[in-house]
Amino acid sequence: RWTAPRRARAGAPRALASTNRMLTALFYATYPVL
């Protein structure tokens, strides 16, 4: 039920995976700055 809307839209699963990677990278980039 949670993932049905994402699975129904073309590209949404790939966007979720990309968002996961980008957010992870963002945190690991901001830490040394701090």
All heavy atoms as atom14 arrays in JSON, in Angstrom:
{
  "sequence": "RWTAPRRARAGAPRALASTNRMLTALFYATYPVL",
  "atom14_mask": [
    [1, 1, 1, 1, 1, 1, 1, 1, 1, 1, 1, 0, 0, 0],
    [1, 1, 1, 1, 1, 1, 1, 1, 1, 1, 1, 1, 1, 1],
    [1, 1, 1, 1, 1, 1, 1, 0, 0, 0, 0, 0, 0, 0],
    [1, 1, 1, 1, 1, 0, 0, 0, 0, 0, 0, 0, 0, 0],
    [1, 1, 1, 1, 1, 1, 1, 0, 0, 0, 0, 0, 0, 0],
    [1, 1, 1, 1, 1, 1, 1, 1, 1, 1, 1, 0, 0, 0],
    [1, 1, 1, 1, 1, 1, 1, 1, 1, 1, 1, 0, 0, 0],
    [1, 1, 1, 1, 1, 0, 0, 0, 0, 0, 0, 0, 0, 0],
    [1, 1, 1, 1, 1, 1, 1, 1, 1, 1, 1, 0, 0, 0],
    [1, 1, 1, 1, 1, 0, 0, 0, 0, 0, 0, 0, 0, 0],
    [1, 1, 1, 1, 0, 0, 0, 0, 0, 0, 0, 0, 0, 0],
    [1, 1, 1, 1, 1, 0, 0, 0, 0, 0, 0, 0, 0, 0],
    [1, 1, 1, 1, 1, 1, 1, 0, 0, 0, 0, 0, 0, 0],
    [1, 1, 1, 1, 1, 1, 1, 1, 1, 1, 1, 0, 0, 0],
    [1, 1, 1, 1, 1, 0, 0, 0, 0, 0, 0, 0, 0, 0],
    [1, 1, 1, 1, 1, 1, 1, 1, 0, 0, 0, 0, 0, 0],
    [1, 1, 1, 1, 1, 0, 0, 0, 0, 0, 0, 0, 0, 0],
    [1, 1, 1, 1, 1, 1, 0, 0, 0, 0, 0, 0, 0, 0],
    [1, 1, 1, 1, 1, 1, 1, 0, 0, 0, 0, 0, 0, 0],
    [1, 1, 1, 1, 1, 1, 1, 1, 0, 0, 0, 0, 0, 0],
    [1, 1, 1, 1, 1, 1, 1, 1, 1, 1, 1, 0, 0, 0],
    [1, 1, 1, 1, 1, 1, 1, 1, 0, 0, 0, 0, 0, 0],
    [1, 1, 1, 1, 1, 1, 1, 1, 0, 0, 0, 0, 0, 0],
    [1, 1, 1, 1, 1, 1, 1, 0, 0, 0, 0, 0, 0, 0],
    [1, 1, 1, 1, 1, 0, 0, 0, 0, 0, 0, 0, 0, 0],
    [1, 1, 1, 1, 1, 1, 1, 1, 0, 0, 0, 0, 0, 0],
    [1, 1, 1, 1, 1, 1, 1, 1, 1, 1, 1, 0, 0, 0],
    [1, 1, 1, 1, 1, 1, 1, 1, 1, 1, 1, 1, 0, 0],
    [1, 1, 1, 1, 1, 0, 0, 0, 0, 0, 0, 0, 0, 0],
    [1, 1, 1, 1, 1, 1, 1, 0, 0, 0, 0, 0, 0, 0],
    [1, 1, 1, 1, 1, 1, 1, 1, 1, 1, 1, 1, 0, 0],
    [1, 1, 1, 1, 1, 1, 1, 0, 0, 0, 0, 0, 0, 0],
    [1, 1, 1, 1, 1, 1, 1, 0, 0, 0, 0, 0, 0, 0],
    [1, 1, 1, 1, 1, 1, 1, 1, 0, 0, 0, 0, 0, 0]
  ],
  "atom14_positions": [
    [[0.83, -1.21, 0.0], [0.0, 0.0, 0.0], [0.87, 1.26, 0.0], [0.6, 2.22, -0.71], [-0.94, -0.03, 1.2], [-2.01, 1.04, 1.17], [-3.04, 0.92, 2.3], [-2.44, 0.84, 3.62], [-2.52, -0.21, 4.43], [-3.16, -1.29, 4.06], [-1.93, -0.19, 5.62], [0.0, 0.0, 0.0], [0.0, 0.0, 0.0], [0.0, 0.0, 0.0]],
    [[1.93, 1.26, 0.81], [2.82, 2.43, 0.88], [3.52, 2.7, -0.44], [3.76, 3.84, -0.81], [3.89, 2.25, 1.94], [3.42, 2.13, 3.35], [2.23, 2.56, 3.88], [4.13, 1.51, 4.43], [2.16, 2.26, 5.2], [3.31, 1.61, 5.58], [5.36, 0.89, 4.53], [3.7, 1.12, 6.82], [5.74, 0.39, 5.77], [4.93, 0.52, 6.9]],
    [[3.89, 1.65, -1.14], [4.7, 1.81, -2.34], [3.89, 1.82, -3.63], [4.45, 2.15, -4.69], [5.78, 0.71, -2.44], [5.14, -0.57, -2.47], [6.75, 0.79, -1.27], [0.0, 0.0, 0.0], [0.0, 0.0, 0.0], [0.0, 0.0, 0.0], [0.0, 0.0, 0.0], [0.0, 0.0, 0.0], [0.0, 0.0, 0.0], [0.0, 0.0, 0.0]],
    [[2.61, 1.49, -3.57], [1.79, 1.43, -4.79], [1.83, 2.73, -5.59], [2.01, 2.7, -6.82], [0.35, 1.04, -4.45], [0.0, 0.0, 0.0], [0.0, 0.0, 0.0], [0.0, 0.0, 0.0], [0.0, 0.0, 0.0], [0.0, 0.0, 0.0], [0.0, 0.0, 0.0], [0.0, 0.0, 0.0], [0.0, 0.0, 0.0], [0.0, 0.0, 0.0]],
    [[1.69, 3.91, -4.96], [1.73, 5.14, -5.76], [3.08, 5.34, -6.48], [3.12, 5.85, -7.59], [1.51, 6.26, -4.74], [0.86, 5.59, -3.57], [1.38, 4.18, -3.56], [0.0, 0.0, 0.0], [0.0, 0.0, 0.0], [0.0, 0.0, 0.0], [0.0, 0.0, 0.0], [0.0, 0.0, 0.0], [0.0, 0.0, 0.0], [0.0, 0.0, 0.0]],
    [[4.16, 4.92, -5.85], [5.48, 5.06, -6.47], [5.67, 4.06, -7.6], [6.26, 4.36, -8.61], [6.57, 4.9, -5.42], [6.73, 6.15, -4.58], [7.02, 5.82, -3.13], [6.77, 6.96, -2.29], [5.6, 7.2, -1.69], [4.58, 6.41, -1.86], [5.46, 8.25, -0.93], [0.0, 0.0, 0.0], [0.0, 0.0, 0.0], [0.0, 0.0, 0.0]],
    [[5.17, 2.87, -7.4], [5.29, 1.84, -8.44], [4.43, 2.17, -9.65], [4.76, 1.77, -10.76], [4.91, 0.47, -7.87], [5.89, -0.05, -6.85], [5.48, -1.42, -6.32], [6.22, -1.81, -5.15], [7.45, -2.31, -5.17], [8.07, -2.49, -6.3], [8.06, -2.64, -4.04], [0.0, 0.0, 0.0], [0.0, 0.0, 0.0], [0.0, 0.0, 0.0]],
    [[3.34, 2.9, -9.44], [2.4, 3.21, -10.52], [2.92, 4.3, -11.46], [2.45, 4.4, -12.59], [1.05, 3.62, -9.94], [0.0, 0.0, 0.0], [0.0, 0.0, 0.0], [0.0, 0.0, 0.0], [0.0, 0.0, 0.0], [0.0, 0.0, 0.0], [0.0, 0.0, 0.0], [0.0, 0.0, 0.0], [0.0, 0.0, 0.0], [0.0, 0.0, 0.0]],
    [[3.85, 5.12, -10.99], [4.36, 6.21, -11.82], [5.71, 5.83, -12.42], [6.62, 5.41, -11.69], [4.5, 7.49, -11.0], [3.16, 8.1, -10.65], [3.33, 9.43, -10.02], [4.14, 9.26, -8.8], [4.21, 10.15, -7.84], [3.57, 11.27, -7.94], [4.96, 9.91, -6.78], [0.0, 0.0, 0.0], [0.0, 0.0, 0.0], [0.0, 0.0, 0.0]],
    [[5.81, 6.02, -13.7], [7.07, 5.71, -14.39], [8.18, 6.58, -13.8], [8.03, 7.78, -13.61], [6.93, 5.99, -15.88], [0.0, 0.0, 0.0], [0.0, 0.0, 0.0], [0.0, 0.0, 0.0], [0.0, 0.0, 0.0], [0.0, 0.0, 0.0], [0.0, 0.0, 0.0], [0.0, 0.0, 0.0], [0.0, 0.0, 0.0], [0.0, 0.0, 0.0]],
    [[9.28, 5.95, -13.48], [10.44, 6.67, -12.97], [10.42, 6.92, -11.48], [11.45, 7.31, -10.91], [0.0, 0.0, 0.0], [0.0, 0.0, 0.0], [0.0, 0.0, 0.0], [0.0, 0.0, 0.0], [0.0, 0.0, 0.0], [0.0, 0.0, 0.0], [0.0, 0.0, 0.0], [0.0, 0.0, 0.0], [0.0, 0.0, 0.0], [0.0, 0.0, 0.0]],
    [[9.29, 6.74, -10.81], [9.22, 7.03, -9.38], [10.12, 6.1, -8.55], [10.79, 6.58, -7.63], [7.78, 6.99, -8.89], [0.0, 0.0, 0.0], [0.0, 0.0, 0.0], [0.0, 0.0, 0.0], [0.0, 0.0, 0.0], [0.0, 0.0, 0.0], [0.0, 0.0, 0.0], [0.0, 0.0, 0.0], [0.0, 0.0, 0.0], [0.0, 0.0, 0.0]],
    [[10.16, 4.8, -8.84], [11.08, 3.96, -8.06], [12.54, 4.39, -8.23], [13.31, 4.43, -7.25], [10.86, 2.55, -8.62], [9.45, 2.57, -9.12], [9.29, 3.97, -9.69], [0.0, 0.0, 0.0], [0.0, 0.0, 0.0], [0.0, 0.0, 0.0], [0.0, 0.0, 0.0], [0.0, 0.0, 0.0], [0.0, 0.0, 0.0], [0.0, 0.0, 0.0]],
    [[12.92, 4.76, -9.43], [14.29, 5.23, -9.68], [14.53, 6.55, -8.95], [15.6, 6.78, -8.4], [14.53, 5.36, -11.18], [15.97, 5.66, -11.51], [16.29, 5.58, -13.0], [15.35, 6.31, -13.84], [14.49, 5.74, -14.7], [14.46, 4.43, -14.84], [13.67, 6.47, -15.43], [0.0, 0.0, 0.0], [0.0, 0.0, 0.0], [0.0, 0.0, 0.0]],
    [[13.52, 7.42, -8.91], [13.65, 8.69, -8.21], [13.83, 8.47, -6.7], [14.62, 9.17, -6.06], [12.43, 9.57, -8.47], [0.0, 0.0, 0.0], [0.0, 0.0, 0.0], [0.0, 0.0, 0.0], [0.0, 0.0, 0.0], [0.0, 0.0, 0.0], [0.0, 0.0, 0.0], [0.0, 0.0, 0.0], [0.0, 0.0, 0.0], [0.0, 0.0, 0.0]],
    [[13.11, 7.5, -6.15], [13.26, 7.19, -4.72], [14.68, 6.7, -4.43], [15.32, 7.16, -3.48], [12.25, 6.13, -4.29], [12.35, 5.7, -2.83], [11.87, 6.81, -1.9], [11.55, 4.44, -2.6], [0.0, 0.0, 0.0], [0.0, 0.0, 0.0], [0.0, 0.0, 0.0], [0.0, 0.0, 0.0], [0.0, 0.0, 0.0], [0.0, 0.0, 0.0]],
    [[15.18, 5.81, -5.26], [16.55, 5.3, -5.07], [17.58, 6.42, -5.22], [18.54, 6.5, -4.45], [16.83, 4.17, -6.05], [0.0, 0.0, 0.0], [0.0, 0.0, 0.0], [0.0, 0.0, 0.0], [0.0, 0.0, 0.0], [0.0, 0.0, 0.0], [0.0, 0.0, 0.0], [0.0, 0.0, 0.0], [0.0, 0.0, 0.0], [0.0, 0.0, 0.0]],
    [[17.36, 7.32, -6.18], [18.27, 8.45, -6.38], [18.22, 9.41, -5.19], [19.25, 9.91, -4.74], [17.92, 9.22, -7.66], [18.15, 8.42, -8.77], [0.0, 0.0, 0.0], [0.0, 0.0, 0.0], [0.0, 0.0, 0.0], [0.0, 0.0, 0.0], [0.0, 0.0, 0.0], [0.0, 0.0, 0.0], [0.0, 0.0, 0.0], [0.0, 0.0, 0.0]],
    [[17.02, 9.65, -4.68], [16.87, 10.53, -3.51], [17.59, 9.92, -2.31], [18.29, 10.63, -1.58], [15.38, 10.74, -3.19], [14.75, 11.34, -4.32], [15.19, 11.63, -1.97], [0.0, 0.0, 0.0], [0.0, 0.0, 0.0], [0.0, 0.0, 0.0], [0.0, 0.0, 0.0], [0.0, 0.0, 0.0], [0.0, 0.0, 0.0], [0.0, 0.0, 0.0]],
    [[17.47, 8.62, -2.12], [18.17, 7.93, -1.05], [19.68, 8.14, -1.17], [20.35, 8.49, -0.2], [17.82, 6.44, -1.09], [18.54, 5.65, -0.04], [18.32, 5.82, 1.15], [19.44, 4.77, -0.48], [0.0, 0.0, 0.0], [0.0, 0.0, 0.0], [0.0, 0.0, 0.0], [0.0, 0.0, 0.0], [0.0, 0.0, 0.0], [0.0, 0.0, 0.0]],
    [[20.22, 7.97, -2.36], [21.67, 8.15, -2.58], [22.09, 9.6, -2.38], [23.11, 9.88, -1.75], [22.07, 7.68, -3.98], [22.21, 6.19, -4.12], [22.85, 5.77, -5.44], [22.19, 6.35, -6.61], [21.1, 5.85, -7.2], [20.55, 4.75, -6.73], [20.58, 6.43, -8.26], [0.0, 0.0, 0.0], [0.0, 0.0, 0.0], [0.0, 0.0, 0.0]],
    [[21.3, 10.53, -2.92], [21.67, 11.96, -2.81], [21.61, 12.45, -1.36], [22.5, 13.19, -0.92], [20.77, 12.81, -3.69], [21.07, 12.66, -5.17], [20.16, 13.81, -6.23], [18.47, 13.39, -5.86], [0.0, 0.0, 0.0], [0.0, 0.0, 0.0], [0.0, 0.0, 0.0], [0.0, 0.0, 0.0], [0.0, 0.0, 0.0], [0.0, 0.0, 0.0]],
    [[20.59, 12.04, -0.62], [20.51, 12.46, 0.78], [21.65, 11.88, 1.59], [22.24, 12.57, 2.43], [19.16, 12.06, 1.38], [17.95, 12.86, 0.9], [16.65, 12.26, 1.42], [18.08, 14.33, 1.31], [0.0, 0.0, 0.0], [0.0, 0.0, 0.0], [0.0, 0.0, 0.0], [0.0, 0.0, 0.0], [0.0, 0.0, 0.0], [0.0, 0.0, 0.0]],
    [[21.98, 10.63, 1.35], [23.11, 10.01, 2.04], [24.39, 10.78, 1.75], [25.15, 11.13, 2.66], [23.25, 8.53, 1.62], [22.04, 7.84, 1.97], [24.43, 7.87, 2.31], [0.0, 0.0, 0.0], [0.0, 0.0, 0.0], [0.0, 0.0, 0.0], [0.0, 0.0, 0.0], [0.0, 0.0, 0.0], [0.0, 0.0, 0.0], [0.0, 0.0, 0.0]],
    [[24.62, 11.1, 0.49], [25.82, 11.85, 0.1], [25.82, 13.24, 0.72], [26.87, 13.73, 1.15], [25.9, 11.95, -1.43], [0.0, 0.0, 0.0], [0.0, 0.0, 0.0], [0.0, 0.0, 0.0], [0.0, 0.0, 0.0], [0.0, 0.0, 0.0], [0.0, 0.0, 0.0], [0.0, 0.0, 0.0], [0.0, 0.0, 0.0], [0.0, 0.0, 0.0]],
    [[24.66, 13.88, 0.78], [24.57, 15.21, 1.37], [25.04, 15.2, 2.82], [25.82, 16.06, 3.24], [23.12, 15.72, 1.29], [22.87, 17.01, 2.06], [23.45, 18.2, 1.31], [21.38, 17.2, 2.31], [0.0, 0.0, 0.0], [0.0, 0.0, 0.0], [0.0, 0.0, 0.0], [0.0, 0.0, 0.0], [0.0, 0.0, 0.0], [0.0, 0.0, 0.0]],
    [[24.57, 14.22, 3.58], [24.98, 14.16, 5.0], [26.46, 13.9, 5.14], [27.12, 14.51, 5.98], [24.14, 13.12, 5.75], [22.79, 13.66, 6.1], [21.69, 13.34, 5.32], [22.63, 14.54, 7.15], [20.45, 13.87, 5.6], [21.39, 15.08, 7.44], [20.29, 14.74, 6.67], [0.0, 0.0, 0.0], [0.0, 0.0, 0.0], [0.0, 0.0, 0.0]],
    [[27.0, 13.01, 4.33], [28.42, 12.73, 4.43], [29.27, 13.89, 3.92], [30.43, 14.0, 4.3], [28.76, 11.4, 3.77], [28.14, 10.25, 4.54], [27.24, 9.39, 3.95], [28.43, 10.07, 5.89], [26.66, 8.35, 4.69], [27.85, 9.05, 6.63], [26.96, 8.19, 6.02], [26.39, 7.19, 6.75], [0.0, 0.0, 0.0], [0.0, 0.0, 0.0]],
    [[28.7, 14.77, 3.11], [29.42, 15.97, 2.66], [29.34, 17.09, 3.68], [30.3, 17.86, 3.84], [28.86, 16.44, 1.31], [0.0, 0.0, 0.0], [0.0, 0.0, 0.0], [0.0, 0.0, 0.0], [0.0, 0.0, 0.0], [0.0, 0.0, 0.0], [0.0, 0.0, 0.0], [0.0, 0.0, 0.0], [0.0, 0.0, 0.0], [0.0, 0.0, 0.0]],
    [[28.21, 17.21, 4.38], [28.06, 18.32, 5.33], [28.82, 18.08, 6.64], [29.17, 19.05, 7.32], [26.58, 18.59, 5.67], [26.01, 17.43, 6.28], [25.79, 19.0, 4.43], [0.0, 0.0, 0.0], [0.0, 0.0, 0.0], [0.0, 0.0, 0.0], [0.0, 0.0, 0.0], [0.0, 0.0, 0.0], [0.0, 0.0, 0.0], [0.0, 0.0, 0.0]],
    [[29.07, 16.83, 6.95], [29.76, 16.54, 8.22], [31.17, 17.12, 8.26], [31.53, 17.81, 9.23], [29.73, 15.04, 8.48], [30.21, 14.62, 9.84], [29.72, 15.23, 11.0], [31.13, 13.6, 9.98], [30.15, 14.83, 12.25], [31.56, 13.19, 11.24], [31.07, 13.81, 12.37], [31.5, 13.41, 13.6], [0.0, 0.0, 0.0], [0.0, 0.0, 0.0]],
    [[32.02, 16.89, 7.25], [33.35, 17.49, 7.31], [33.32, 19.02, 7.31], [34.18, 19.67, 7.91], [34.08, 16.97, 6.07], [33.18, 16.02, 5.41], [31.87, 16.01, 6.1], [0.0, 0.0, 0.0], [0.0, 0.0, 0.0], [0.0, 0.0, 0.0], [0.0, 0.0, 0.0], [0.0, 0.0, 0.0], [0.0, 0.0, 0.0], [0.0, 0.0, 0.0]],
    [[32.32, 19.6, 6.65], [32.18, 21.07, 6.66], [31.98, 21.53, 8.1], [32.61, 22.5, 8.56], [31.02, 21.52, 5.75], [30.72, 23.01, 5.94], [31.32, 21.2, 4.3], [0.0, 0.0, 0.0], [0.0, 0.0, 0.0], [0.0, 0.0, 0.0], [0.0, 0.0, 0.0], [0.0, 0.0, 0.0], [0.0, 0.0, 0.0], [0.0, 0.0, 0.0]],
    [[31.1, 20.86, 8.82], [30.86, 21.21, 10.23], [32.13, 21.05, 11.06], [32.48, 21.94, 11.84], [29.75, 20.33, 10.8], [29.53, 20.43, 12.32], [29.08, 21.83, 12.7], [28.55, 19.37, 12.78], [0.0, 0.0, 0.0], [0.0, 0.0, 0.0], [0.0, 0.0, 0.0], [0.0, 0.0, 0.0], [0.0, 0.0, 0.0], [0.0, 0.0, 0.0]]
  ]
}
